[in-house]
N, C-alpha and C. Protein backbone atom coordinates (compact mmCIF):
# COMPACT_ATOMS: atom_id res chain seq x y z
N PRO A 1 -35.01 5.48 -5.25
CA PRO A 1 -34.57 4.46 -6.07
C PRO A 1 -32.78 3.98 -5.79
N LEU A 2 -32.10 5.18 -5.15
CA LEU A 2 -30.29 4.78 -5.16
C LEU A 2 -30.44 3.87 -3.99
N THR A 3 -31.70 3.74 -3.36
CA THR A 3 -31.67 3.12 -1.97
C THR A 3 -32.62 1.47 -2.10
N ARG A 4 -33.22 1.50 -3.48
CA ARG A 4 -34.00 -0.10 -3.54
C ARG A 4 -33.28 -1.14 -3.82
N PRO A 5 -33.74 -2.03 -2.79
CA PRO A 5 -32.88 -3.34 -2.59
C PRO A 5 -33.20 -4.42 -3.55
N GLY A 6 -32.10 -4.58 -3.84
CA GLY A 6 -31.84 -5.85 -4.60
C GLY A 6 -31.60 -7.12 -4.03
N PRO A 7 -31.04 -7.88 -4.76
CA PRO A 7 -30.53 -9.89 -4.15
C PRO A 7 -29.60 -9.01 -3.46
N LEU A 8 -28.23 -8.95 -4.39
CA LEU A 8 -27.11 -8.49 -3.09
C LEU A 8 -27.20 -7.60 -2.17
N LEU A 9 -28.15 -6.65 -1.84
CA LEU A 9 -28.75 -6.41 -0.65
C LEU A 9 -29.09 -7.39 0.33
N ARG A 10 -30.78 -7.44 -0.16
CA ARG A 10 -31.15 -8.97 0.66
C ARG A 10 -30.05 -9.38 1.09
N ARG A 11 -28.70 -10.10 0.31
CA ARG A 11 -28.30 -11.31 0.96
C ARG A 11 -26.95 -10.36 2.14
N LEU A 12 -26.97 -9.89 2.48
CA LEU A 12 -26.24 -8.89 2.76
C LEU A 12 -27.22 -8.80 4.36
N VAL A 13 -28.34 -8.34 4.15
CA VAL A 13 -29.38 -8.56 5.50
C VAL A 13 -29.25 -10.26 6.28
N LYS A 14 -29.26 -10.60 5.52
CA LYS A 14 -29.19 -12.29 6.12
C LYS A 14 -27.66 -12.53 6.64
N ALA A 15 -27.42 -11.42 6.21
CA ALA A 15 -25.50 -12.16 6.87
C ALA A 15 -26.01 -10.95 7.91
N ALA A 16 -26.41 -10.24 8.40
CA ALA A 16 -25.99 -9.29 9.48
C ALA A 16 -27.13 -10.15 11.10
N PRO A 17 -26.66 -10.04 12.25
CA PRO A 17 -26.33 -10.64 13.42
C PRO A 17 -28.29 -9.92 13.63
N ASP A 18 -28.70 -10.60 14.29
CA ASP A 18 -30.71 -10.16 14.74
C ASP A 18 -29.47 -9.05 16.67
N ALA A 19 -31.09 -9.21 16.61
CA ALA A 19 -31.31 -7.74 17.83
C ALA A 19 -31.07 -8.51 18.94
N SER A 20 -30.26 -9.27 19.48
CA SER A 20 -29.85 -10.05 20.61
C SER A 20 -29.25 -9.08 21.28
N GLY A 21 -28.48 -8.70 20.48
CA GLY A 21 -27.11 -8.20 21.79
C GLY A 21 -27.14 -7.05 21.17
N GLY A 22 -29.10 -6.47 20.97
CA GLY A 22 -29.50 -4.21 21.06
C GLY A 22 -29.68 -4.05 19.51
N ASP A 23 -30.15 -3.00 19.56
CA ASP A 23 -30.04 -2.16 18.37
C ASP A 23 -28.60 -1.82 18.12
N LEU A 24 -27.86 -1.20 18.54
CA LEU A 24 -26.79 -0.43 18.46
C LEU A 24 -25.68 -1.09 18.14
N ALA A 25 -24.96 -2.46 17.97
CA ALA A 25 -24.58 -3.26 18.40
C ALA A 25 -24.95 -4.20 16.88
N ARG A 26 -26.15 -3.87 16.34
CA ARG A 26 -26.91 -5.22 15.82
C ARG A 26 -26.14 -3.78 13.85
N LEU A 27 -26.45 -2.73 14.21
CA LEU A 27 -26.09 -1.77 13.29
C LEU A 27 -24.91 -1.48 13.06
N HIS A 28 -24.28 -1.25 14.13
CA HIS A 28 -22.16 -1.03 14.18
C HIS A 28 -22.05 -2.83 13.09
N ALA A 29 -22.67 -3.98 13.66
CA ALA A 29 -21.65 -5.10 13.15
C ALA A 29 -22.61 -4.91 11.16
N LEU A 30 -23.88 -4.39 10.98
CA LEU A 30 -23.89 -4.49 9.69
C LEU A 30 -22.95 -3.16 8.87
N ALA A 31 -22.78 -2.21 9.88
CA ALA A 31 -21.45 -1.15 9.29
C ALA A 31 -20.60 -1.98 8.73
N GLY A 32 -19.93 -2.37 9.45
CA GLY A 32 -18.85 -3.64 9.20
C GLY A 32 -19.54 -4.52 8.42
N LEU A 33 -20.43 -4.76 7.39
CA LEU A 33 -20.39 -6.07 6.92
C LEU A 33 -20.31 -4.97 5.36
N VAL A 34 -21.23 -3.35 5.89
CA VAL A 34 -21.25 -2.85 3.78
C VAL A 34 -19.77 -2.13 4.45
N ARG A 35 -18.68 -2.47 5.02
CA ARG A 35 -17.96 -1.96 4.49
C ARG A 35 -16.77 -2.83 3.91
N GLU A 36 -17.45 -4.50 4.49
CA GLU A 36 -16.48 -5.23 3.95
C GLU A 36 -16.46 -5.14 2.74
N ALA A 37 -17.92 -5.33 1.80
CA ALA A 37 -19.25 -5.45 1.08
C ALA A 37 -18.15 -5.03 -0.09
N ILE A 38 -17.50 -3.43 0.31
CA ILE A 38 -16.89 -2.14 -1.00
C ILE A 38 -16.14 -1.39 0.18
N GLN A 39 -15.02 -2.01 -0.23
CA GLN A 39 -14.08 -1.20 -1.25
C GLN A 39 -13.82 0.25 -0.93
N TYR A 40 -13.24 0.77 -0.18
CA TYR A 40 -13.48 2.40 -0.76
C TYR A 40 -12.47 2.47 -1.61
N GLU A 41 -12.94 2.89 -3.37
CA GLU A 41 -12.39 3.24 -3.86
C GLU A 41 -13.22 4.27 -4.95
N PRO A 42 -12.31 5.66 -4.96
CA PRO A 42 -12.72 6.42 -5.81
C PRO A 42 -13.11 6.53 -6.87
N GLY A 43 -13.68 6.35 -7.72
CA GLY A 43 -13.64 6.46 -9.64
C GLY A 43 -14.35 5.47 -10.18
N TRP A 44 -14.39 5.07 -9.27
CA TRP A 44 -15.65 4.28 -9.36
C TRP A 44 -17.55 3.98 -10.48
N THR A 45 -17.78 5.18 -8.88
CA THR A 45 -19.78 4.74 -9.18
C THR A 45 -19.26 6.89 -9.48
N ASP A 46 -20.26 7.47 -9.46
CA ASP A 46 -21.13 8.75 -9.26
C ASP A 46 -22.27 8.93 -8.62
N VAL A 47 -22.57 9.76 -8.78
CA VAL A 47 -23.77 10.07 -7.86
C VAL A 47 -24.74 9.71 -8.27
N ASP A 48 -25.01 8.84 -9.46
CA ASP A 48 -26.48 7.90 -9.68
C ASP A 48 -26.31 6.48 -9.45
N THR A 49 -24.84 6.51 -8.85
CA THR A 49 -25.20 5.06 -8.50
C THR A 49 -25.79 4.30 -7.09
N LYS A 50 -26.90 3.73 -7.45
CA LYS A 50 -27.73 2.56 -7.02
C LYS A 50 -26.68 1.32 -5.93
N ALA A 51 -27.26 2.04 -4.35
CA ALA A 51 -26.87 0.50 -3.45
C ALA A 51 -26.32 -0.79 -4.67
N GLU A 52 -27.48 -1.23 -4.88
CA GLU A 52 -27.08 -2.84 -5.99
C GLU A 52 -26.17 -2.33 -6.14
N ASP A 53 -26.12 -1.23 -7.42
CA ASP A 53 -24.74 -1.74 -8.21
C ASP A 53 -23.49 -1.23 -7.72
N ALA A 54 -23.50 -0.84 -7.12
CA ALA A 54 -22.05 -0.78 -5.49
C ALA A 54 -21.89 -1.95 -4.60
N LEU A 55 -22.86 -2.02 -4.46
CA LEU A 55 -22.71 -3.58 -4.42
C LEU A 55 -21.75 -4.43 -4.93
N GLU A 56 -22.48 -5.04 -6.24
CA GLU A 56 -22.10 -5.43 -6.96
C GLU A 56 -21.11 -4.90 -7.71
N ALA A 57 -20.19 -4.04 -7.96
CA ALA A 57 -19.68 -3.34 -8.27
C ALA A 57 -17.89 -3.99 -7.36
N GLY A 58 -18.61 -3.89 -5.55
CA GLY A 58 -17.49 -4.33 -5.21
C GLY A 58 -16.69 -3.16 -4.29
N ARG A 59 -16.86 -1.79 -4.85
CA ARG A 59 -15.59 -0.48 -4.25
C ARG A 59 -16.92 0.15 -4.80
N GLY A 60 -16.51 1.14 -3.63
CA GLY A 60 -16.93 3.30 -3.94
C GLY A 60 -16.77 4.02 -3.19
N VAL A 61 -17.53 4.94 -2.44
CA VAL A 61 -17.29 6.54 -1.61
C VAL A 61 -18.37 5.71 -0.90
N CYS A 62 -17.95 7.06 -0.28
CA CYS A 62 -18.79 7.07 1.11
C CYS A 62 -19.99 7.26 0.67
N GLN A 63 -20.62 7.80 -0.11
CA GLN A 63 -21.52 8.36 -0.84
C GLN A 63 -22.62 6.05 -1.40
N ASP A 64 -21.76 5.85 -1.22
CA ASP A 64 -22.50 3.65 -2.12
C ASP A 64 -22.79 4.12 -0.56
N HIS A 65 -21.26 3.20 0.53
CA HIS A 65 -21.69 2.78 1.90
C HIS A 65 -23.09 3.02 2.09
N ALA A 66 -23.23 4.71 1.57
CA ALA A 66 -23.70 5.27 3.21
C ALA A 66 -25.39 4.81 2.34
N HIS A 67 -25.39 4.76 0.87
CA HIS A 67 -26.67 3.90 0.76
C HIS A 67 -26.71 2.64 1.40
N VAL A 68 -26.52 1.91 0.76
CA VAL A 68 -26.49 0.10 0.65
C VAL A 68 -26.58 0.05 2.29
N PHE A 69 -25.49 1.21 3.09
CA PHE A 69 -26.29 0.96 4.75
C PHE A 69 -27.61 0.99 5.10
N ILE A 70 -28.70 2.55 4.05
CA ILE A 70 -29.34 2.76 4.55
C ILE A 70 -30.68 1.63 3.94
N ALA A 71 -30.13 1.85 2.87
CA ALA A 71 -31.40 -0.22 2.61
C ALA A 71 -31.37 -0.73 3.15
N ALA A 72 -30.29 -1.88 3.71
CA ALA A 72 -29.51 -2.36 5.06
C ALA A 72 -30.72 -2.95 5.72
N THR A 73 -30.19 -1.63 6.80
CA THR A 73 -31.16 -0.83 7.68
C THR A 73 -32.50 -0.32 8.11
N ARG A 74 -32.65 0.18 6.76
CA ARG A 74 -34.07 -0.28 6.42
C ARG A 74 -34.99 -1.30 5.77
N LEU A 75 -34.24 -2.47 5.16
CA LEU A 75 -35.56 -3.77 4.99
C LEU A 75 -34.75 -4.49 6.66
N LEU A 76 -33.86 -4.23 7.82
CA LEU A 76 -34.77 -4.60 8.72
C LEU A 76 -34.93 -4.04 9.63
N GLY A 77 -35.47 -2.89 8.91
CA GLY A 77 -37.11 -2.44 9.88
C GLY A 77 -37.11 -0.99 11.19
N TYR A 78 -35.82 -0.12 10.30
CA TYR A 78 -35.45 0.89 11.37
C TYR A 78 -35.53 2.28 10.18
N PRO A 79 -35.86 3.42 10.57
CA PRO A 79 -35.91 4.45 10.09
C PRO A 79 -33.96 4.85 9.77
N ALA A 80 -33.48 5.24 8.27
CA ALA A 80 -32.68 5.77 8.21
C ALA A 80 -32.64 6.61 7.15
N ARG A 81 -31.71 7.72 7.28
CA ARG A 81 -31.21 9.08 6.12
C ARG A 81 -30.04 8.86 6.06
N TYR A 82 -30.24 9.67 5.02
CA TYR A 82 -28.33 9.81 4.26
C TYR A 82 -28.40 11.31 4.57
N ALA A 83 -27.12 11.26 4.80
CA ALA A 83 -26.61 12.56 5.96
C ALA A 83 -24.78 12.93 5.19
N GLY A 84 -25.44 14.86 4.42
CA GLY A 84 -24.24 15.47 3.50
C GLY A 84 -23.67 16.24 4.40
N GLY A 85 -22.43 16.26 4.04
CA GLY A 85 -21.95 17.71 4.89
C GLY A 85 -20.19 17.42 4.79
N TYR A 86 -19.23 17.28 5.42
CA TYR A 86 -17.82 17.86 5.46
C TYR A 86 -17.75 16.92 7.32
N LEU A 87 -15.91 16.79 6.49
CA LEU A 87 -15.32 16.40 7.72
C LEU A 87 -14.14 16.71 7.59
N MET A 88 -14.22 17.36 9.37
CA MET A 88 -12.37 17.97 9.67
C MET A 88 -11.63 17.08 9.92
N MET A 89 -10.50 16.62 9.14
CA MET A 89 -9.48 15.97 8.77
C MET A 89 -8.48 16.65 9.15
N ASN A 90 -7.93 15.75 10.11
CA ASN A 90 -6.07 16.07 11.12
C ASN A 90 -5.38 16.31 10.70
N ASP A 91 -5.12 15.32 9.49
CA ASP A 91 -4.17 16.47 8.20
C ASP A 91 -4.21 17.13 7.62
N ARG A 92 -5.21 17.42 7.31
CA ARG A 92 -5.02 18.46 6.14
C ARG A 92 -6.56 18.93 7.10
N VAL A 93 -6.67 20.18 5.47
CA VAL A 93 -7.77 21.50 5.85
C VAL A 93 -8.17 21.88 4.51
N GLN A 94 -7.08 21.64 3.42
CA GLN A 94 -8.25 21.45 1.83
C GLN A 94 -8.78 20.72 1.13
N GLN A 95 -9.51 20.33 1.16
CA GLN A 95 -10.00 18.83 0.74
C GLN A 95 -10.94 18.49 -0.49
N ASP A 96 -10.57 17.45 -0.87
CA ASP A 96 -11.25 16.82 -3.01
C ASP A 96 -12.96 17.05 -2.74
N ALA A 97 -13.39 16.50 -1.66
CA ALA A 97 -14.65 16.34 -1.81
C ALA A 97 -15.45 17.01 -0.40
N GLY A 98 -16.85 16.70 -0.12
CA GLY A 98 -17.87 16.62 0.62
C GLY A 98 -17.27 15.15 1.42
N HIS A 99 -18.02 14.78 2.51
CA HIS A 99 -18.65 13.53 2.85
C HIS A 99 -20.60 12.93 3.23
N ALA A 100 -20.24 11.87 3.19
CA ALA A 100 -21.74 11.17 3.04
C ALA A 100 -21.47 10.32 4.61
N TRP A 101 -22.09 9.75 4.94
CA TRP A 101 -22.68 8.64 6.43
C TRP A 101 -23.89 8.85 6.43
N ALA A 102 -24.53 7.62 7.29
CA ALA A 102 -26.21 7.41 7.47
C ALA A 102 -25.96 7.54 8.64
N GLU A 103 -27.87 7.84 9.37
CA GLU A 103 -27.90 8.30 10.44
C GLU A 103 -29.20 7.32 10.32
N ALA A 104 -29.61 6.27 11.28
CA ALA A 104 -30.61 5.83 12.00
C ALA A 104 -30.95 5.65 13.28
N HIS A 105 -32.71 5.82 12.87
CA HIS A 105 -32.86 5.77 14.27
C HIS A 105 -33.26 4.80 15.28
N VAL A 106 -32.88 4.75 16.73
CA VAL A 106 -32.33 3.42 17.32
C VAL A 106 -33.02 4.56 18.63
N GLU A 107 -34.38 3.14 19.01
CA GLU A 107 -35.75 3.17 19.91
C GLU A 107 -34.46 3.80 21.18
N GLY A 108 -34.74 4.51 21.38
CA GLY A 108 -35.15 5.55 23.19
C GLY A 108 -33.21 6.21 23.29
N LEU A 109 -32.78 5.92 22.36
CA LEU A 109 -31.87 6.82 21.29
C LEU A 109 -31.86 7.57 20.61
N GLY A 110 -32.57 7.57 19.37
CA GLY A 110 -33.07 8.94 18.03
C GLY A 110 -32.07 7.99 16.82
N TRP A 111 -31.55 9.65 16.57
CA TRP A 111 -30.92 9.25 15.35
C TRP A 111 -29.35 8.98 15.63
N VAL A 112 -28.59 8.10 15.09
CA VAL A 112 -27.49 7.86 15.26
C VAL A 112 -26.64 8.00 14.06
N GLY A 113 -25.40 8.95 13.86
CA GLY A 113 -25.32 8.49 12.70
C GLY A 113 -24.01 7.20 12.62
N PHE A 114 -23.23 6.87 11.15
CA PHE A 114 -22.80 5.76 11.37
C PHE A 114 -21.50 6.38 10.26
N ASP A 115 -20.80 6.39 10.22
CA ASP A 115 -18.98 6.75 9.27
C ASP A 115 -18.98 5.14 8.40
N VAL A 116 -19.92 4.94 7.97
CA VAL A 116 -18.98 3.29 7.21
C VAL A 116 -17.79 3.49 6.66
N SER A 117 -17.83 4.33 5.74
CA SER A 117 -16.72 4.58 6.02
C SER A 117 -15.36 4.52 5.81
N ASN A 118 -15.81 4.95 6.91
CA ASN A 118 -14.11 5.73 8.63
C ASN A 118 -14.61 4.90 9.35
N ALA A 119 -15.58 3.99 9.47
CA ALA A 119 -15.49 2.78 10.99
C ALA A 119 -16.53 3.55 11.86
N ILE A 120 -16.80 4.39 12.27
CA ILE A 120 -16.33 5.62 12.94
C ILE A 120 -17.93 5.95 13.57
N SER A 121 -18.87 6.64 14.44
CA SER A 121 -20.36 7.12 14.74
C SER A 121 -19.21 9.14 14.67
N PRO A 122 -20.38 9.48 13.76
CA PRO A 122 -19.56 11.17 14.21
C PRO A 122 -19.74 11.38 15.10
N ASP A 123 -19.18 12.17 14.83
CA ASP A 123 -18.75 13.31 16.02
C ASP A 123 -18.35 14.46 16.37
N ALA A 124 -17.00 15.87 16.88
CA ALA A 124 -17.65 16.81 16.69
C ALA A 124 -16.71 17.82 15.61
N ARG A 125 -16.51 16.52 14.61
CA ARG A 125 -15.70 16.83 13.45
C ARG A 125 -16.62 16.93 12.33
N TYR A 126 -17.25 15.94 11.86
CA TYR A 126 -18.55 16.01 11.44
C TYR A 126 -19.32 17.59 11.68
N VAL A 127 -19.43 18.24 10.06
CA VAL A 127 -20.67 19.11 10.21
C VAL A 127 -21.70 17.96 8.90
N ARG A 128 -23.43 18.93 9.86
CA ARG A 128 -24.19 18.38 8.94
C ARG A 128 -24.80 19.01 7.11
N VAL A 129 -24.80 19.09 6.72
CA VAL A 129 -25.50 20.49 5.97
C VAL A 129 -26.19 20.11 5.58
N ALA A 130 -26.75 18.79 5.66
CA ALA A 130 -28.52 18.48 4.64
C ALA A 130 -28.67 16.78 5.45
N THR A 131 -29.76 15.98 4.90
CA THR A 131 -30.17 14.90 4.61
C THR A 131 -31.24 14.68 4.59
N GLY A 132 -31.71 13.55 3.98
CA GLY A 132 -32.79 13.52 3.10
C GLY A 132 -33.07 11.74 3.25
N LEU A 133 -33.26 11.05 1.92
CA LEU A 133 -33.92 9.51 2.09
C LEU A 133 -32.47 8.81 0.88
N ASP A 134 -32.28 10.17 0.36
CA ASP A 134 -30.36 9.63 -0.54
C ASP A 134 -29.81 10.78 -0.31
N TYR A 135 -29.00 10.67 -2.05
CA TYR A 135 -27.52 12.12 -1.91
C TYR A 135 -29.29 12.73 -2.94
N ARG A 136 -29.28 12.25 -3.22
CA ARG A 136 -30.38 13.49 -4.00
C ARG A 136 -31.50 14.01 -3.39
N GLU A 137 -31.42 13.65 -2.82
CA GLU A 137 -32.61 14.36 -1.65
C GLU A 137 -31.39 15.57 -0.36
N ALA A 138 -30.51 14.84 -0.14
CA ALA A 138 -28.83 15.45 0.83
C ALA A 138 -28.10 16.70 -0.41
N ALA A 139 -28.20 16.54 -0.92
CA ALA A 139 -27.00 17.04 -2.90
C ALA A 139 -27.12 18.65 -2.05
N PRO A 140 -25.81 18.51 -2.30
CA PRO A 140 -24.93 20.04 -1.35
C PRO A 140 -25.33 21.77 -2.86
N VAL A 141 -25.38 20.90 -3.76
CA VAL A 141 -25.46 21.89 -4.99
C VAL A 141 -26.66 20.86 -6.46
N SER A 142 -28.46 21.75 -6.70
CA SER A 142 -28.70 20.82 -7.51
C SER A 142 -29.00 22.13 -8.62
N GLY A 143 -29.79 21.89 -9.20
CA GLY A 143 -30.65 22.91 -9.83
C GLY A 143 -30.70 22.51 -11.82
N MET A 144 -31.20 23.55 -12.29
CA MET A 144 -31.56 23.25 -13.47
C MET A 144 -31.01 24.27 -14.68
N ARG A 145 -30.87 23.59 -16.11
CA ARG A 145 -30.59 24.13 -17.12
C ARG A 145 -31.71 23.83 -17.54
N PHE A 146 -32.08 25.43 -18.51
CA PHE A 146 -32.35 25.48 -20.43
C PHE A 146 -31.22 26.37 -21.25
N GLY A 147 -32.07 24.68 -22.57
CA GLY A 147 -30.86 25.98 -23.39
C GLY A 147 -29.71 24.80 -24.01
N ALA A 148 -28.48 24.80 -24.78
CA ALA A 148 -27.44 24.59 -25.40
C ALA A 148 -26.28 24.97 -24.11
N ALA A 149 -27.01 25.94 -23.80
CA ALA A 149 -25.42 26.65 -23.00
C ALA A 149 -24.22 25.82 -22.58
N SER A 150 -23.26 25.55 -22.21
CA SER A 150 -22.52 24.77 -21.13
C SER A 150 -22.44 24.95 -20.04
N GLU A 151 -22.31 24.57 -18.92
CA GLU A 151 -21.70 24.81 -17.16
C GLU A 151 -20.49 24.35 -17.27
N SER A 152 -20.09 24.82 -15.14
CA SER A 152 -18.19 23.85 -15.21
C SER A 152 -19.51 24.53 -13.90
N LEU A 153 -18.56 23.73 -13.15
CA LEU A 153 -18.28 24.06 -11.79
C LEU A 153 -17.38 23.50 -11.00
N ASP A 154 -16.77 24.66 -10.43
CA ASP A 154 -15.06 24.83 -9.09
C ASP A 154 -15.32 24.37 -8.11
N VAL A 155 -15.14 24.03 -7.08
CA VAL A 155 -15.27 24.01 -5.67
C VAL A 155 -13.66 23.62 -4.88
N SER A 156 -13.71 24.25 -4.06
CA SER A 156 -12.95 24.39 -3.16
C SER A 156 -13.13 24.31 -1.89
N ILE A 157 -12.60 23.30 -0.79
CA ILE A 157 -13.63 23.52 0.33
C ILE A 157 -12.07 23.05 1.58
N GLN A 158 -12.44 23.74 2.31
CA GLN A 158 -11.58 24.00 3.52
C GLN A 158 -12.62 23.46 4.64
N VAL A 159 -11.54 22.90 5.75
CA VAL A 159 -12.76 22.17 7.08
C VAL A 159 -11.73 22.63 7.98
N GLN A 160 -12.00 23.65 8.72
CA GLN A 160 -10.63 24.09 9.68
C GLN A 160 -11.75 24.47 11.24
N GLN A 161 -10.97 23.77 12.24
CA GLN A 161 -11.64 24.43 13.40
C GLN A 161 -11.58 26.72 13.56
N GLN A 162 -12.47 26.81 13.78
CA GLN A 162 -12.22 28.19 13.96
C GLN A 162 -12.07 28.76 15.64
């Protein structure tokens, strides 16, 4: 449901180039269109935000970029999946959140990563923890509780070379 295409997503896909320049070039151009359509801005979306809603808002985070890219890629006929994990940053070890990117299956290459938010393909600095159809399938923590008890979760993330 998080990657179900709507009219805004279909319009975005119509703006994508054809495959005459090759699949990889087409997908990189699509990633650029997604980045232009959704400005990176934390606090506007959450884990339940759908791709179409992020496009309508015009702002979001890496998870939204991944969902929109995945939905658009699938509309173009490529298998695509959500990847969640961490990104080792050059300027810090302590981080506020995990990271998300998308992967598309390209004939002859296999699964190719697209980090729309950072405008690069994942490299050795990326730590993939899980993949799935969308965030819900690749969530780092999930579960259920019964009863009226309250809960809280405090997470500290450090990503560094060992």
